Every structure is written in structure tokens, then in C-alpha cells.
Amino acid sequence: MASDIYKRAREQRTGGSEMAVLLPLRPAPQMDSLSFTTWLANIRWWHVMLLMLVWPLQALAQGSVTVDSAITVLYRWAPFLLLNGFLFNVLISVLSMALGTGLGVLLGMTLISKWFPLRFLGNTGTAFFRNAPWLVLLFVVLLAFPFELNIFGTRVPLPGWIKAVIGLSLPVAANIAIIVRGAIQSVPSAQWEAAESLSFSRMQTLWQIIIPQCIKRMIPPWMNWYAILTMATPLCSILGTEEMVTLTRQAMEAEGNKPELLMPFYGFILILFFLYCYPIAKLTVRLERKFAVKL
């Protein structure tokens, strides 16, 4: 059929002669490079969620545990994992973010200091903790801090989760310091000049004029780092902290360490963290649009 069309087109252009003419190019089907890209563009988030639900079912079909029994086991352990595990992850993330924010603000002040030694120490600490692996920092804090403190003859235990809070707050503080410095530098220089004309000191200008204007600009990246920190809290299981991943392993051991329970239990962890962090990410994008600096 296609050959007849091309033959008639050639006869119309050449008048039936056998002279060579330029015919339209017919692309080969395998040259269509946009098909895969178009297919990826049509994927929606619920397609991915459906695949995440079907994958564990396929893994269960290969084992001795049925879907009903796996759901029953997960349903029995879900309240324990949620209340004693996931909420503890949230507590660690909140405490780490609070400590990291406080340290980050102080560290960010050193980055804009006019005193070179203080600025050098701030830049060195920020660069070190920003580029250090989080897991290595957790191990260093675990080994550097004692298991208990002796305060005026009273022994105060220092559990692993407190060390985890300290270890996670260090890289967060370094990144918060960069956010603080960037927010301060985004304030127009006219604000500094106006404060100087009113005889404000540098410290008064910072805390009374500049910092209040920077808060709303720092909120979106601060929330973004909180979501990243929350997703990093399962690293605390390496330190023996009884958080979500540790309790999940204990629950699977209580059920006989059946391989067919791996996907349901760890899929449950994945869903919990997604449901907690995804709204934070969406709110961060909305606040970025709302508080964007309009030039």
C-alpha cells in the first residue's frame, strides 16, 4: 500500500519518466526516540504507588506466607511499630533539628564576622561537617562520648539516642549556617546603611533589623532540611537505638525471620516516612513561592 502511494507520487512529479526525484523521507520505526520519553512523561505518582503495592505481592507469591497471613502479621505489629518506633524517629528528628538550628544560627553568625580568626573557624567547621558522611559522624559521636557522665558524684547515663541526636545535629547545623548566611546576604545593603545612619551597632542591626527579615526566607530551606533529617533517622539503628528499623527487625525475629515478611514490613516503613515527609515537601514548595524575594 505504501509502495503504491510513493509510486504515484513519483509519477506525478516526473510525468511518468524515470528521472531521479527527491521523495519525502519515511522515518524508520526504530528511530522514534521520543516514544520512551513520552511514556515517562505520562507516568503519574499513583502508577508508582501501584507498582510499590504489586511488588510485595509478587514477592509473597514466591514464598510460603500468603498475602492474608502477611497482612495479619503486619496488622498485629503495626501499632507497636508506629507508636514505639516511628514516633521515636520523629522525636529524634525534632530534637536534632532544634539543636542543629541553634548551633547553625551561631555558626552562621561566624561566617559573616569581620574578625578573620572567627570567620576562618566558622568556615572550616561548616565545610567539614557539610562534607562528612552522616553515618561516620554517628560512629564518631558514639565512640567519643562516654556511656555515662559523672556530675558532682551523680552518674547520669548517656543513652545511644541522645548521642544520635548530637550526631545528626552536626551536619544539620553546618547546612543551617549556610542558609543563615545566604538569608542575611539577601537583605539589601540599604538596610545596613539605614541602620548605620541611626547609630545602630552591628549586633543591634543584625538582631533587630536583619534577622527578623530573614526568618521567612529561611523557613522553606529549613523545612527541606528537616525532611532530609527525618529520612536519615533510620541510620540511628546502627547505634542500637530502638527506633523504627530496629523494632522492625525485632518483630521479624519474633515471627521466625521469614523472608516473605521483608517486603511487607519494610514497605510499611517506607509508606510511613512517605506520608510524613511528602506533605512537608509540598508545603515547602508553597512557602518558597509565597516568600520568594521579588526584585
Foldseek 3Di string as FASTA:
>chain_A
DVVVVQVVVVCVVPVNDPDDDDDDDDDDPVPPPCPVVVVVVPDDPVNVVVVLVVVLQVLLVVDDDHPVNLVVLCVVCVVVLVPVFLVVLVVLLVLLLVLLLVLLLVLLVQCPDPDVVSNVVSVVQLVVLQPDDLLVLLVCLLVVDDQWDQDVNDTGGDDSSNSNSVSLSSNSSSVSSVLNNVLLVPPDCVLVVVCVVVVHDPVCSVPPPRVVLSPLVSVLVSLVVSLVSSVVSVSSVVVVDRHNVNVLVVSCVVVVVDPSNPSVSVVVVVVVSCVVNVVSNVVSVVSCVVSPDDD
